[in-house]
Structures are given as C-alpha cells and as structure tokens.
C-alpha atoms as a PDB file:
ATOM      1  CA  MET A   1       7.393  18.225   5.251  1.00  0.00           C
ATOM      2  CA  LEU A   2       7.616  18.035   1.241  1.00  0.00           C
ATOM      3  CA  ARG A   3      11.003  19.706   1.565  1.00  0.00           C
ATOM      4  CA  ALA A   4      12.231  17.310   4.085  1.00  0.00           C
ATOM      5  CA  ALA A   5      11.057  14.476   1.854  1.00  0.00           C
ATOM      6  CA  THR A   6      12.801  15.531  -1.406  1.00  0.00           C
ATOM      7  CA  ALA A   7      16.050  16.320   0.501  1.00  0.00           C
ATOM      8  CA  LEU A   8      16.108  13.194   2.685  1.00  0.00           C
ATOM      9  CA  THR A   9      15.698  10.652  -0.437  1.00  0.00           C
ATOM     10  CA  ARG A  10      17.778  12.160  -3.125  1.00  0.00           C
ATOM     11  CA  ASP A  11      20.208   9.667  -2.745  1.00  0.00           C
ATOM     12  CA  ILE A  12      17.769   6.646  -3.274  1.00  0.00           C
ATOM     13  CA  ALA A  13      15.637   8.281  -6.043  1.00  0.00           C
ATOM     14  CA  GLU A  14      16.756   6.149  -9.083  1.00  0.00           C
ATOM     15  CA  ALA A  15      14.891   3.068 -10.112  1.00  0.00           C
ATOM     16  CA  ARG A  16      17.332  -0.101  -9.778  1.00  0.00           C
ATOM     17  CA  PRO A  17      17.203  -2.832 -12.419  1.00  0.00           C
ATOM     18  CA  GLY A  18      18.682  -5.098 -10.412  1.00  0.00           C
ATOM     19  CA  ILE A  19      15.299  -4.966  -8.306  1.00  0.00           C
ATOM     20  CA  TYR A  20      12.573  -4.303 -10.577  1.00  0.00           C
ATOM     21  CA  TRP A  21      13.377  -7.244 -12.785  1.00  0.00           C
ATOM     22  CA  PRO A  22      13.706 -10.047 -10.704  1.00  0.00           C
ATOM     23  CA  ASP A  23      10.904  -8.869  -8.481  1.00  0.00           C
ATOM     24  CA  MET A  24       8.498  -8.628 -11.507  1.00  0.00           C
ATOM     25  CA  LEU A  25       9.702 -11.848 -13.757  1.00  0.00           C
ATOM     26  CA  LEU A  26       9.970 -14.062 -10.689  1.00  0.00           C
ATOM     27  CA  SER A  27       6.440 -13.013  -9.306  1.00  0.00           C
ATOM     28  CA  ALA A  28       4.854 -13.582 -12.814  1.00  0.00           C
ATOM     29  CA  ALA A  29       6.472 -17.015 -12.991  1.00  0.00           C
ATOM     30  CA  LEU A  30       5.608 -18.202  -9.763  1.00  0.00           C
ATOM     31  CA  GLY A  31       2.129 -17.052 -10.484  1.00  0.00           C
ATOM     32  CA  TYR A  32       1.618 -18.948 -13.911  1.00  0.00           C
ATOM     33  CA  ALA A  33       3.448 -22.021 -12.452  1.00  0.00           C
ATOM     34  CA  ALA A  34       0.887 -22.135  -9.631  1.00  0.00           C
ATOM     35  CA  LEU A  35      -2.094 -21.112 -11.855  1.00  0.00           C
ATOM     36  CA  ALA A  36      -1.015 -24.375 -13.619  1.00  0.00           C
ATOM     37  CA  GLY A  37      -1.271 -26.367 -10.514  1.00  0.00           C
ATOM     38  CA  ALA A  38      -4.606 -24.947  -9.698  1.00  0.00           C
ATOM     39  CA  ILE A  39      -5.960 -26.339 -13.073  1.00  0.00           C
ATOM     40  CA  MET A  40      -3.977 -29.407 -13.408  1.00  0.00           C
ATOM     41  CA  LEU A  41      -3.987 -30.814  -9.499  1.00  0.00           C
ATOM     42  CA  THR A  42      -6.803 -33.256  -8.869  1.00  0.00           C
ATOM     43  CA  ASN A  43      -6.587 -32.840  -4.892  1.00  0.00           C
ATOM     44  CA  LEU A  44      -9.083 -30.181  -3.910  1.00  0.00           C
ATOM     45  CA  TRP A  45      -7.011 -28.669  -1.216  1.00  0.00           C
ATOM     46  CA  LEU A  46      -3.539 -28.669  -3.223  1.00  0.00           C
ATOM     47  CA  ALA A  47      -5.508 -27.195  -6.195  1.00  0.00           C
ATOM     48  CA  ALA A  48      -6.887 -24.501  -3.925  1.00  0.00           C
ATOM     49  CA  ALA A  49      -3.890 -23.661  -2.174  1.00  0.00           C
ATOM     50  CA  SER A  50      -2.120 -23.423  -5.726  1.00  0.00           C
ATOM     51  CA  GLY A  51      -4.866 -20.979  -6.590  1.00  0.00           C
ATOM     52  CA  VAL A  52      -4.305 -18.868  -3.265  1.00  0.00           C
ATOM     53  CA  ILE A  53      -0.143 -18.648  -4.452  1.00  0.00           C
ATOM     54  CA  ALA A  54      -0.997 -17.848  -7.873  1.00  0.00           C
ATOM     55  CA  ALA A  55      -3.594 -14.827  -7.034  1.00  0.00           C
ATOM     56  CA  LEU A  56      -1.208 -13.305  -4.506  1.00  0.00           C
ATOM     57  CA  ALA A  57       1.868 -13.553  -7.180  1.00  0.00           C
ATOM     58  CA  LEU A  58       0.173 -12.582 -10.005  1.00  0.00           C
ATOM     59  CA  TYR A  59      -1.274  -9.787  -7.956  1.00  0.00           C
ATOM     60  CA  ARG A  60       2.234  -8.372  -7.276  1.00  0.00           C
ATOM     61  CA  ALA A  61       3.073  -8.617 -10.947  1.00  0.00           C
ATOM     62  CA  LEU A  62       0.155  -6.994 -12.019  1.00  0.00           C
ATOM     63  CA  LEU A  63       0.835  -4.040  -9.610  1.00  0.00           C
ATOM     64  CA  PHE A  64       4.023  -3.171 -11.246  1.00  0.00           C
ATOM     65  CA  ILE A  65       1.671  -1.739 -13.968  1.00  0.00           C
ATOM     66  CA  HIS A  66       1.574   1.231 -10.940  1.00  0.00           C
ATOM     67  CA  GLU A  67       5.305   1.672 -11.335  1.00  0.00           C
ATOM     68  CA  LEU A  68       5.193   2.138 -15.225  1.00  0.00           C
ATOM     69  CA  THR A  69       3.016   5.235 -14.655  1.00  0.00           C
ATOM     70  CA  HIS A  70       5.921   6.923 -12.674  1.00  0.00           C
ATOM     71  CA  ILE A  71       8.964   6.038 -13.660  1.00  0.00           C
ATOM     72  CA  HIS A  72      10.613   7.738 -16.102  1.00  0.00           C
ATOM     73  CA  ARG A  73      10.223   5.948 -19.887  1.00  0.00           C
ATOM     74  CA  ASP A  74      14.131   5.764 -19.899  1.00  0.00           C
ATOM     75  CA  ALA A  75      14.758   4.603 -16.553  1.00  0.00           C
ATOM     76  CA  LEU A  76      14.057   0.509 -17.327  1.00  0.00           C
ATOM     77  CA  PRO A  77      14.811   0.017 -20.818  1.00  0.00           C
ATOM     78  CA  GLY A  78      12.502  -2.701 -22.167  1.00  0.00           C
ATOM     79  CA  PHE A  79      10.726  -3.029 -18.751  1.00  0.00           C
ATOM     80  CA  ARG A  80       7.590  -1.962 -20.365  1.00  0.00           C
ATOM     81  CA  LEU A  81       7.380  -4.199 -23.120  1.00  0.00           C
ATOM     82  CA  VAL A  82       8.458  -7.363 -21.369  1.00  0.00           C
ATOM     83  CA  TRP A  83       5.603  -6.302 -18.488  1.00  0.00           C
ATOM     84  CA  ASN A  84       3.315  -5.981 -21.500  1.00  0.00           C
ATOM     85  CA  LEU A  85       4.062  -9.332 -22.904  1.00  0.00           C
ATOM     86  CA  ALA A  86       4.425 -11.285 -19.608  1.00  0.00           C
ATOM     87  CA  VAL A  87       1.828 -10.005 -17.413  1.00  0.00           C
ATOM     88  CA  GLY A  88      -0.442  -6.969 -18.997  1.00  0.00           C
ATOM     89  CA  ILE A  89      -1.693  -8.788 -22.316  1.00  0.00           C
ATOM     90  CA  PRO A  90      -2.298 -12.400 -20.933  1.00  0.00           C
ATOM     91  CA  LEU A  91      -4.132 -10.911 -17.918  1.00  0.00           C
ATOM     92  CA  LEU A  92      -5.728  -8.406 -20.497  1.00  0.00           C
ATOM     93  CA  THR A  93      -4.898  -5.357 -18.325  1.00  0.00           C
ATOM     94  CA  PRO A  94      -2.098  -3.798 -20.681  1.00  0.00           C
ATOM     95  CA  SER A  95      -0.491  -0.515 -19.356  1.00  0.00           C
ATOM     96  CA  PHE A  96      -2.174   1.783 -21.434  1.00  0.00           C
ATOM     97  CA  MET A  97      -5.426   1.238 -19.369  1.00  0.00           C
ATOM     98  CA  TYR A  98      -3.116   3.020 -16.242  1.00  0.00           C
ATOM     99  CA  GLU A  99      -0.840   5.037 -18.133  1.00  0.00           C
ATOM    100  CA  GLY A 100      -2.211   8.754 -18.637  1.00  0.00           C
ATOM    101  CA  VAL A 101      -4.958   7.913 -16.118  1.00  0.00           C
ATOM    102  CA  HIS A 102      -3.287   7.438 -12.453  1.00  0.00           C
ATOM    103  CA  THR A 103      -1.219  10.730 -13.171  1.00  0.00           C
ATOM    104  CA  LEU A 104      -4.557  12.807 -13.049  1.00  0.00           C
ATOM    105  CA  HIS A 105      -5.039  11.042  -9.726  1.00  0.00           C
ATOM    106  CA  HIS A 106      -2.069  12.792  -8.520  1.00  0.00           C
ATOM    107  CA  ALA A 107      -2.521  16.318 -10.023  1.00  0.00           C
ATOM    108  CA  ARG A 108      -2.840  18.390  -7.084  1.00  0.00           C
ATOM    109  CA  THR A 109      -5.666  20.503  -8.349  1.00  0.00           C
ATOM    110  CA  ARG A 110      -7.693  17.579  -9.303  1.00  0.00           C
ATOM    111  CA  TYR A 111      -7.088  15.044  -6.264  1.00  0.00           C
ATOM    112  CA  GLY A 112     -10.383  14.196  -4.401  1.00  0.00           C
ATOM    113  CA  THR A 113     -12.418  16.128  -6.821  1.00  0.00           C
ATOM    114  CA  ALA A 114     -14.829  14.857  -9.879  1.00  0.00           C
ATOM    115  CA  GLU A 115     -12.386  15.267 -12.064  1.00  0.00           C
ATOM    116  CA  ASP A 116     -10.237  12.666 -10.165  1.00  0.00           C
ATOM    117  CA  PRO A 117     -10.681   9.146 -12.185  1.00  0.00           C
ATOM    118  CA  GLU A 118      -9.485   7.434  -9.125  1.00  0.00           C
ATOM    119  CA  TYR A 119     -11.341   9.102  -6.417  1.00  0.00           C
ATOM    120  CA  LEU A 120     -15.087   8.545  -4.960  1.00  0.00           C
ATOM    121  CA  PRO A 121     -16.225   9.748  -1.408  1.00  0.00           C
ATOM    122  CA  LEU A 122     -16.770   6.680  -0.101  1.00  0.00           C
ATOM    123  CA  GLY A 123     -16.885   7.304   3.316  1.00  0.00           C
ATOM    124  CA  LEU A 124     -19.400   9.851   2.591  1.00  0.00           C
ATOM    125  CA  MET A 125     -21.947   7.504   0.568  1.00  0.00           C
ATOM    126  CA  LYS A 126     -24.441   4.936   1.634  1.00  0.00           C
ATOM    127  CA  PRO A 127     -23.393   1.525   3.451  1.00  0.00           C
ATOM    128  CA  TRP A 128     -24.229  -0.631   0.493  1.00  0.00           C
ATOM    129  CA  THR A 129     -21.458   0.953  -1.678  1.00  0.00           C
ATOM    130  CA  LEU A 130     -18.885  -0.968  -0.165  1.00  0.00           C
ATOM    131  CA  PRO A 131     -19.816  -4.666  -1.030  1.00  0.00           C
ATOM    132  CA  LEU A 132     -20.911  -3.283  -4.391  1.00  0.00           C
ATOM    133  CA  PHE A 133     -17.454  -2.105  -4.792  1.00  0.00           C
ATOM    134  CA  LEU A 134     -15.934  -5.376  -4.117  1.00  0.00           C
ATOM    135  CA  LEU A 135     -18.816  -7.065  -6.418  1.00  0.00           C
ATOM    136  CA  ILE A 136     -17.519  -5.198  -9.139  1.00  0.00           C
ATOM    137  CA  ALA A 137     -14.138  -6.668  -8.876  1.00  0.00           C
ATOM    138  CA  VAL A 138     -15.529 -10.117  -8.996  1.00  0.00           C
ATOM    139  CA  LEU A 139     -16.991  -9.158 -12.306  1.00  0.00           C
ATOM    140  CA  LEU A 140     -13.975  -7.871 -13.526  1.00  0.00           C
ATOM    141  CA  PRO A 141     -12.313 -10.958 -15.300  1.00  0.00           C
ATOM    142  CA  PRO A 142     -15.529 -11.439 -17.635  1.00  0.00           C
ATOM    143  CA  ALA A 143     -15.898  -7.825 -18.257  1.00  0.00           C
ATOM    144  CA  LEU A 144     -12.389  -7.840 -19.622  1.00  0.00           C
ATOM    145  CA  LEU A 145     -12.938 -10.778 -21.720  1.00  0.00           C
ATOM    146  CA  LEU A 146     -15.874  -9.421 -23.264  1.00  0.00           C
ATOM    147  CA  ARG A 147     -14.004  -6.046 -23.817  1.00  0.00           C
ATOM    148  CA  CYS A 148     -11.046  -7.472 -25.581  1.00  0.00           C
ATOM    149  CA  ALA A 149     -12.470 -10.248 -27.321  1.00  0.00           C
ATOM    150  CA  VAL A 150     -15.481  -8.514 -28.617  1.00  0.00           C
ATOM    151  CA  LEU A 151     -15.827  -4.696 -28.073  1.00  0.00           C
ATOM    152  CA  VAL A 152     -12.686  -3.810 -29.200  1.00  0.00           C
ATOM    153  CA  PRO A 153     -12.683  -5.661 -32.585  1.00  0.00           C
ATOM    154  CA  LEU A 154     -16.340  -4.661 -32.842  1.00  0.00           C
ATOM    155  CA  GLY A 155     -15.290  -0.804 -31.994  1.00  0.00           C
ATOM    156  CA  ALA A 156     -12.582  -1.411 -35.279  1.00  0.00           C
ATOM    157  CA  VAL A 157     -15.230  -1.367 -37.557  1.00  0.00           C
ATOM    158  CA  VAL A 158     -18.204   0.752 -35.660  1.00  0.00           C
ATOM    159  CA  ARG A 159     -16.852   4.372 -34.505  1.00  0.00           C
ATOM    160  CA  PRO A 160     -19.521   4.908 -31.647  1.00  0.00           C
ATOM    161  CA  VAL A 161     -18.452   1.779 -30.316  1.00  0.00           C
ATOM    162  CA  ARG A 162     -14.869   2.515 -30.433  1.00  0.00           C
ATOM    163  CA  ARG A 163     -15.407   5.490 -28.748  1.00  0.00           C
ATOM    164  CA  LEU A 164     -17.724   4.596 -26.047  1.00  0.00           C
ATOM    165  CA  VAL A 165     -15.113   1.539 -25.443  1.00  0.00           C
ATOM    166  CA  TRP A 166     -12.228   4.360 -25.065  1.00  0.00           C
ATOM    167  CA  GLU A 167     -14.186   6.664 -22.957  1.00  0.00           C
ATOM    168  CA  ARG A 168     -15.746   4.449 -20.385  1.00  0.00           C
ATOM    169  CA  PHE A 169     -13.945   1.036 -20.708  1.00  0.00           C
ATOM    170  CA  SER A 170     -10.170   1.808 -21.219  1.00  0.00           C
ATOM    171  CA  SER A 171      -8.953   2.853 -17.996  1.00  0.00           C
ATOM    172  CA  LEU A 172      -8.790   1.153 -14.187  1.00  0.00           C
ATOM    173  CA  SER A 173     -10.661   3.970 -12.594  1.00  0.00           C
ATOM    174  CA  THR A 174     -13.075   4.090  -9.841  1.00  0.00           C
ATOM    175  CA  ASN A 175     -15.034   7.305 -10.578  1.00  0.00           C
ATOM    176  CA  PRO A 176     -17.498   6.217 -12.918  1.00  0.00           C
ATOM    177  CA  ALA A 177     -18.232   9.765 -14.537  1.00  0.00           C
ATOM    178  CA  PHE A 178     -14.262   9.730 -15.690  1.00  0.00           C
ATOM    179  CA  ARG A 179     -14.559   9.878 -19.505  1.00  0.00           C
ATOM    180  CA  ARG A 180     -10.984   9.208 -20.922  1.00  0.00           C
ATOM    181  CA  ARG A 181      -9.994  11.582 -23.744  1.00  0.00           C
ATOM    182  CA  PRO A 182      -8.551  10.233 -27.075  1.00  0.00           C
ATOM    183  CA  PRO A 183      -5.114   9.078 -27.289  1.00  0.00           C
ATOM    184  CA  GLU A 184      -2.267  11.430 -29.253  1.00  0.00           C
ATOM    185  CA  GLY A 185       1.104  10.657 -30.636  1.00  0.00           C
ATOM    186  CA  ASP A 186       3.516   7.748 -28.943  1.00  0.00           C
ATOM    187  CA  MET A 187       0.180   6.697 -26.780  1.00  0.00           C
ATOM    188  CA  ALA A 188      -1.963   5.926 -29.803  1.00  0.00           C
ATOM    189  CA  ARG A 189       0.852   4.018 -31.478  1.00  0.00           C
ATOM    190  CA  MET A 190       1.203   2.102 -27.880  1.00  0.00           C
ATOM    191  CA  VAL A 191      -2.610   1.718 -27.400  1.00  0.00           C
ATOM    192  CA  PHE A 192      -2.990   0.190 -31.085  1.00  0.00           C
ATOM    193  CA  TRP A 193      -0.547  -2.307 -30.466  1.00  0.00           C
ATOM    194  CA  GLN A 194      -1.486  -3.179 -26.796  1.00  0.00           C
ATOM    195  CA  GLU A 195      -5.093  -3.420 -27.895  1.00  0.00           C
ATOM    196  CA  LEU A 196      -4.189  -5.858 -30.720  1.00  0.00           C
ATOM    197  CA  GLY A 197      -2.283  -8.054 -28.687  1.00  0.00           C
ATOM    198  CA  ALA A 198      -4.705  -8.309 -25.775  1.00  0.00           C
ATOM    199  CA  SER A 199      -7.542  -8.880 -28.448  1.00  0.00           C
ATOM    200  CA  LEU A 200      -5.831 -11.777 -30.066  1.00  0.00           C
ATOM    201  CA  TRP A 201      -5.232 -13.408 -27.032  1.00  0.00           C
ATOM    202  CA  ALA A 202      -8.685 -13.101 -25.537  1.00  0.00           C
ATOM    203  CA  ILE A 203     -10.015 -14.333 -28.895  1.00  0.00           C
ATOM    204  CA  LEU A 204      -7.664 -17.426 -28.517  1.00  0.00           C
ATOM    205  CA  LEU A 205      -8.722 -17.883 -25.063  1.00  0.00           C
ATOM    206  CA  LEU A 206     -12.272 -18.172 -25.693  1.00  0.00           C
ATOM    207  CA  ALA A 207     -11.611 -20.377 -28.980  1.00  0.00           C
ATOM    208  CA  SER A 208      -9.297 -22.723 -26.531  1.00  0.00           C
ATOM    209  CA  THR A 209     -12.809 -23.745 -24.798  1.00  0.00           C
ATOM    210  CA  TRP A 210     -13.671 -25.565 -27.943  1.00  0.00           C
ATOM    211  CA  TRP A 211     -10.757 -28.014 -27.475  1.00  0.00           C
ATOM    212  CA  ILE A 212     -10.146 -27.967 -23.893  1.00  0.00           C
ATOM    213  CA  GLY A 213     -13.272 -26.939 -22.367  1.00  0.00           C
ATOM    214  CA  TRP A 214     -14.110 -24.376 -19.980  1.00  0.00           C
ATOM    215  CA  ARG A 215     -12.592 -25.292 -16.895  1.00  0.00           C
ATOM    216  CA  PRO A 216      -9.282 -24.242 -17.342  1.00  0.00           C
ATOM    217  CA  LEU A 217     -10.435 -20.675 -18.266  1.00  0.00           C
ATOM    218  CA  GLY A 218     -12.888 -20.616 -15.397  1.00  0.00           C
ATOM    219  CA  ILE A 219     -10.419 -21.540 -12.930  1.00  0.00           C
ATOM    220  CA  ALA A 220      -7.968 -18.862 -14.384  1.00  0.00           C
ATOM    221  CA  MET A 221     -10.953 -16.254 -14.253  1.00  0.00           C
ATOM    222  CA  ALA A 222     -11.629 -17.118 -10.775  1.00  0.00           C
ATOM    223  CA  VAL A 223      -7.926 -16.602  -9.667  1.00  0.00           C
ATOM    224  CA  ILE A 224      -7.958 -13.334 -11.272  1.00  0.00           C
ATOM    225  CA  ALA A 225     -11.303 -12.313  -9.762  1.00  0.00           C
ATOM    226  CA  ALA A 226      -9.467 -13.182  -6.323  1.00  0.00           C
ATOM    227  CA  THR A 227      -6.372 -10.841  -7.387  1.00  0.00           C
ATOM    228  CA  ALA A 228      -9.056  -7.988  -8.336  1.00  0.00           C
ATOM    229  CA  VAL A 229     -10.959  -8.350  -5.187  1.00  0.00           C
ATOM    230  CA  LEU A 230      -7.575  -7.999  -3.332  1.00  0.00           C
ATOM    231  CA  ASN A 231      -6.891  -4.836  -5.121  1.00  0.00           C
ATOM    232  CA  GLN A 232     -10.260  -3.698  -4.332  1.00  0.00           C
ATOM    233  CA  LEU A 233      -9.634  -4.255  -0.761  1.00  0.00           C
ATOM    234  CA  ARG A 234      -6.254  -2.459  -1.039  1.00  0.00           C
ATOM    235  CA  THR A 235      -7.766   0.632  -2.732  1.00  0.00           C
ATOM    236  CA  LEU A 236     -10.480   0.922   0.185  1.00  0.00           C
ATOM    237  CA  ALA A 237      -7.458   1.195   2.620  1.00  0.00           C
ATOM    238  CA  ALA A 238      -5.568   3.333   0.396  1.00  0.00           C
ATOM    239  CA  HIS A 239      -7.481   6.498   1.305  1.00  0.00           C
ATOM    240  CA  LEU A 240      -9.844   7.868   3.859  1.00  0.00           C
ATOM    241  CA  TRP A 241     -12.262   8.675   0.922  1.00  0.00           C
ATOM    242  CA  THR A 242     -13.790  11.241   3.071  1.00  0.00           C
ATOM    243  CA  ASN A 243     -13.311  14.321   0.475  1.00  0.00           C
ATOM    244  CA  ASP A 244     -16.637  15.719  -0.778  1.00  0.00           C
ATOM    245  CA  GLY A 245     -15.362  17.082  -4.178  1.00  0.00           C
ATOM    246  CA  GLU A 246     -13.842  20.137  -3.148  1.00  0.00           C
ATOM    247  CA  PRO A 247     -10.175  21.145  -4.281  1.00  0.00           C
ATOM    248  CA  MET A 248      -7.674  19.928  -1.203  1.00  0.00           C
ATOM    249  CA  THR A 249      -4.810  21.417   0.048  1.00  0.00           C
ATOM    250  CA  VAL A 250      -1.072  19.218  -0.291  1.00  0.00           C
ATOM    251  CA  THR A 251      -1.341  18.584   3.454  1.00  0.00           C
ATOM    252  CA  ALA A 252      -5.122  17.464   3.326  1.00  0.00           C
ATOM    253  CA  GLN A 253      -4.216  15.093   0.458  1.00  0.00           C
ATOM    254  CA  TYR A 254      -1.779  13.412   2.081  1.00  0.00           C
ATOM    255  CA  LEU A 255      -3.889  12.777   5.301  1.00  0.00           C
ATOM    256  CA  ASP A 256      -6.364  11.395   3.087  1.00  0.00           C
ATOM    257  CA  SER A 257      -3.860   8.704   2.121  1.00  0.00           C
ATOM    258  CA  VAL A 258      -2.260   5.870   4.074  1.00  0.00           C
ATOM    259  CA  ASN A 259       0.781   4.404   5.423  1.00  0.00           C
ATOM    260  CA  VAL A 260       0.601   1.291   6.957  1.00  0.00           C
ATOM    261  CA  PRO A 261       4.495   0.707   8.176  1.00  0.00           C
ATOM    262  CA  PRO A 262       6.109  -2.172   9.772  1.00  0.00           C
ATOM    263  CA  PRO A 263       6.198  -4.322  12.252  1.00  0.00           C
ATOM    264  CA  GLY A 264       2.999  -6.225  10.455  1.00  0.00           C
ATOM    265  CA  PRO A 265       4.426  -8.485   7.689  1.00  0.00           C
ATOM    266  CA  LEU A 266       0.707  -8.629   5.913  1.00  0.00           C
ATOM    267  CA  PRO A 267       0.751  -5.406   4.024  1.00  0.00           C
ATOM    268  CA  GLU A 268       3.650  -6.884   1.791  1.00  0.00           C
ATOM    269  CA  LEU A 269       0.576  -9.444   0.731  1.00  0.00           C
ATOM    270  CA  TRP A 270      -2.108  -7.047   0.256  1.00  0.00           C
ATOM    271  CA  ALA A 271      -0.203  -3.970  -0.675  1.00  0.00           C
ATOM    272  CA  PRO A 272       2.596  -5.176  -2.594  1.00  0.00           C
ATOM    273  CA  VAL A 273       5.242  -3.201  -4.662  1.00  0.00           C
ATOM    274  CA  GLY A 274       5.412  -0.283  -2.015  1.00  0.00           C
ATOM    275  CA  LEU A 275       2.123   0.603  -1.745  1.00  0.00           C
ATOM    276  CA  ARG A 276       1.801  -0.032   1.760  1.00  0.00           C
ATOM    277  CA  TYR A 277       3.516   3.225   1.888  1.00  0.00           C
ATOM    278  CA  HIS A 278       0.650   5.022  -0.087  1.00  0.00           C
ATOM    279  CA  ALA A 279       0.493   8.132   1.679  1.00  0.00           C
ATOM    280  CA  THR A 280       4.707   8.620   1.406  1.00  0.00           C
ATOM    281  CA  HIS A 281       4.221   7.880  -2.157  1.00  0.00           C
ATOM    282  CA  HIS A 282       1.616  10.316  -2.694  1.00  0.00           C
ATOM    283  CA  LEU A 283       4.691  12.905  -0.972  1.00  0.00           C
ATOM    284  CA  LEU A 284       7.061  11.533  -3.581  1.00  0.00           C
ATOM    285  CA  PRO A 285       5.068   9.968  -6.599  1.00  0.00           C
ATOM    286  CA  SER A 286       8.571   9.529  -8.524  1.00  0.00           C
ATOM    287  CA  LEU A 287      10.358   7.400  -5.770  1.00  0.00           C
ATOM    288  CA  PRO A 288      10.762   3.554  -6.719  1.00  0.00           C
ATOM    289  CA  TYR A 289       8.767   1.235  -4.943  1.00  0.00           C
ATOM    290  CA  HIS A 290      11.730  -0.254  -3.112  1.00  0.00           C
ATOM    291  CA  ALA A 291      13.009   3.235  -1.795  1.00  0.00           C
ATOM    292  CA  LEU A 292       9.827   3.776   0.117  1.00  0.00           C
ATOM    293  CA  GLY A 293      10.533   1.865   3.114  1.00  0.00           C
ATOM    294  CA  GLU A 294      14.043   3.582   3.369  1.00  0.00           C
ATOM    295  CA  ALA A 295      12.181   6.961   2.886  1.00  0.00           C
ATOM    296  CA  HIS A 296       9.602   6.433   5.607  1.00  0.00           C
ATOM    297  CA  ARG A 297      12.078   5.189   8.183  1.00  0.00           C
ATOM    298  CA  ARG A 298      14.177   8.504   7.151  1.00  0.00           C
ATOM    299  CA  LEU A 299      11.009  10.771   7.619  1.00  0.00           C
ATOM    300  CA  THR A 300       9.706   9.261  10.710  1.00  0.00           C
ATOM    301  CA  ALA A 301      13.339   9.702  12.323  1.00  0.00           C
ATOM    302  CA  GLU A 302      13.416  13.372  10.923  1.00  0.00           C
ATOM    303  CA  LEU A 303      10.063  14.751  11.539  1.00  0.00           C
ATOM    304  CA  GLY A 304       9.273  12.645  14.682  1.00  0.00           C
ATOM    305  CA  ALA A 305       6.089  10.553  15.964  1.00  0.00           C
ATOM    306  CA  GLY A 306       3.928  13.834  16.739  1.00  0.00           C
ATOM    307  CA  SER A 307       4.499  15.443  13.183  1.00  0.00           C
ATOM    308  CA  THR A 308       2.048  15.491  10.277  1.00  0.00           C
ATOM    309  CA  TYR A 309       4.036  12.948   8.504  1.00  0.00           C
ATOM    310  CA  HIS A 310       3.072  10.551  11.174  1.00  0.00           C
ATOM    311  CA  GLY A 311      -0.534  11.508  10.819  1.00  0.00           C
ATOM    312  CA  ALA A 312      -0.987   9.074   7.998  1.00  0.00           C
ATOM    313  CA  ASN A 313      -0.062   6.052   9.720  1.00  0.00           C
ATOM    314  CA  TYR A 314      -2.561   3.247  10.391  1.00  0.00           C
ATOM    315  CA  PRO A 315      -2.007  -0.133  11.963  1.00  0.00           C
ATOM    316  CA  GLY A 316      -3.634  -2.466   9.388  1.00  0.00           C
ATOM    317  CA  LEU A 317      -6.341  -3.394   7.007  1.00  0.00           C
ATOM    318  CA  ALA A 318      -8.991  -4.586   9.177  1.00  0.00           C
ATOM    319  CA  ALA A 319      -8.866  -1.191  11.300  1.00  0.00           C
ATOM    320  CA  LEU A 320      -8.895   1.124   8.015  1.00  0.00           C
ATOM    321  CA  LEU A 321     -12.006  -1.077   6.278  1.00  0.00           C
ATOM    322  CA  ALA A 322     -13.737  -0.672   9.852  1.00  0.00           C
ATOM    323  CA  ARG A 323     -13.159   2.874   9.801  1.00  0.00           C
ATOM    324  CA  LEU A 324     -14.503   3.452   6.184  1.00  0.00           C
ATOM    325  CA  ALA A 325     -17.565   1.282   7.179  1.00  0.00           C
ATOM    326  CA  ARG A 326     -18.381   3.245  10.372  1.00  0.00           C
ATOM    327  CA  SER A 327     -18.239   6.223   8.167  1.00  0.00           C
ATOM    328  CA  THR A 328     -20.953   5.275   5.833  1.00  0.00           C
ATOM    329  CA  MET A 329     -23.620   4.264   8.683  1.00  0.00           C
ATOM    330  CA  GLY A 330     -24.932   7.324   9.126  1.00  0.00           C
ATOM    331  CA  LYS A 331     -25.652   7.755   5.221  1.00  0.00           C
ATOM    332  CA  GLY A 332     -28.035   4.620   5.117  1.00  0.00           C
END
C-alpha cells in the first residue's frame, strides 16, 4: 500500500504557492472581518452569525500550522513568516508550538505509545474523559493569554519558570506526560522571536481593556474558544484512540487513523486543509494538503473497495464520535 501510494502521487507531491497563499490569506482576512462584525454589530443574531463565520474562517487559517510542520522549509518562501505575523502571533499560537512536536507523532516507533505527544488511548479511558477533553479547549484562550502575557515574561528572569513553561506549556499536544526538550540552533532563534512577538501582543491585548473595556477581548476569546472546541472534536475523530501504548505496525497505525472522504461536504468545515484525509496523510505525511483528495481517488481506484486502504474510511463526525463514546462505556 505504501509503495503504491508513493508511486501514484509523485506527480502531485509539490506544494503549490498559488493555492497555499490565497487560501491562507483569504481565510485569515475573512476571519478577522467577521470577528470585527461580531464585536461591532448591535443586532444579536447578526453578531452571532458573524462570530460563527469568524470561528470557521480563523479555524481554517490556524490549521495551516499543520502544513508548516510538513512542507520543506524552502518550498514556500516567506509563508512561515507571513503566517506567523498574520495568524500565529495574533492568535497566540506561533508555529513553534507545533513544529518539532507534531513530527514526533509521525515517528513510526513512537506513534500510539507513551512517547507520542499527540496520542492518548481515549477509547480505553473512562467516559468522563471525553467531556473533559472538550472543556480543556474552552479554557485554551485564557490559558494562552496567561502564558504569553505573564508566564513567558516571568520566565525571562526566573529560570525554573522558563523551564516549566517550555516543557509543559509550549506545545499543542494532547499527551499530558509529554515534556518538550529545549530548542537548539535555528529553532531556538525562531522561538525567541515568536515568543517575543506573542508576548508583546498579549500584553497589548490586556492593556487595551483599560481604554475599550473587556467586551471586544471577551468576544474574541469566545470565538477562539469555538475554534478550539471544533479542533478538539476533529481531533477526537482523527484516530480511533484504542492503542494501549505498545508499538504498532505501520498498517495498524494507518488503520487507527481516519479518512472521511466525499460525498459529504461538512468535513470541509470541521476538518479543513486536507484533514478529512487524515489516514492518507499518515500514509504520505509530506504530501501537500491540496493533493490529498486526488491521492485518495487514485488509491481507491488502484487498490479497490476491499483493500486495507479502504479500511480507514468512515462516513462522518457523528458516527466517529458515537463509536468513540461507545468504546469508553465499559470503562466507567
């Protein structure tokens, strides 16, 4: 299957700037315009609708952080810098929080084990872990604000705080046992500038409440909380989460991952930027997001409906969440 996937996708393996740039920039522009509407509109229903649009558009813009971890550093000149300035720093999630972490999730000897920063055996845990998983997302915006405005500046002068913040609160991971190693070389320099930008912006956001009150920041945080919850729901549907921590074969890793292919249109909202093809992505992690749909079509045609490849396809979010909830019911 892996050989077939590689052979069938060689001609679509290059990241296309003409897709990446307008997709990211337009998503961010729409998100910020809709966020401004949610803050300024006086009609409650129009403001709420604007907030929903803002959450979906900013969610799409934010998920380009996933692409930044996989594309070659020279593939899209300037894209990382512009994404951080336009999305990562303003939303207090600069790219270093995912770069150097997500690739560990793709390491074949780590996936699904205690050393995987993005894996928990949720399907083997107690039922209350699922609502707790979503509650954490609701608390993410104030946590990021506290981290960037208070803990990072404090860590600049207090070494134990700096070490704690880096190890425990500087990665977008799901495994609470994960401890991040200190950055080195180019990564350390990138972290410095991104941390500086995010901290200055967070302090400015808090200071703005003295002049314009808490309402704009509160609405913005509510919108970002909605994007975080949506991302947590997507995360719950990205894998089956039933590995007990033992190393897995490549085939088992693939079958523990999830595709939600067409015809359903909704996955383009809750799993945008190619993430509806999450299993295909685990098969071909360096393939750009805009090529995953074509890769899926080619592999389906080549390998057939009864193949191992077909075993990772699922109908939708509701079915996946129901499956996960059922797997926890016997653990109560």
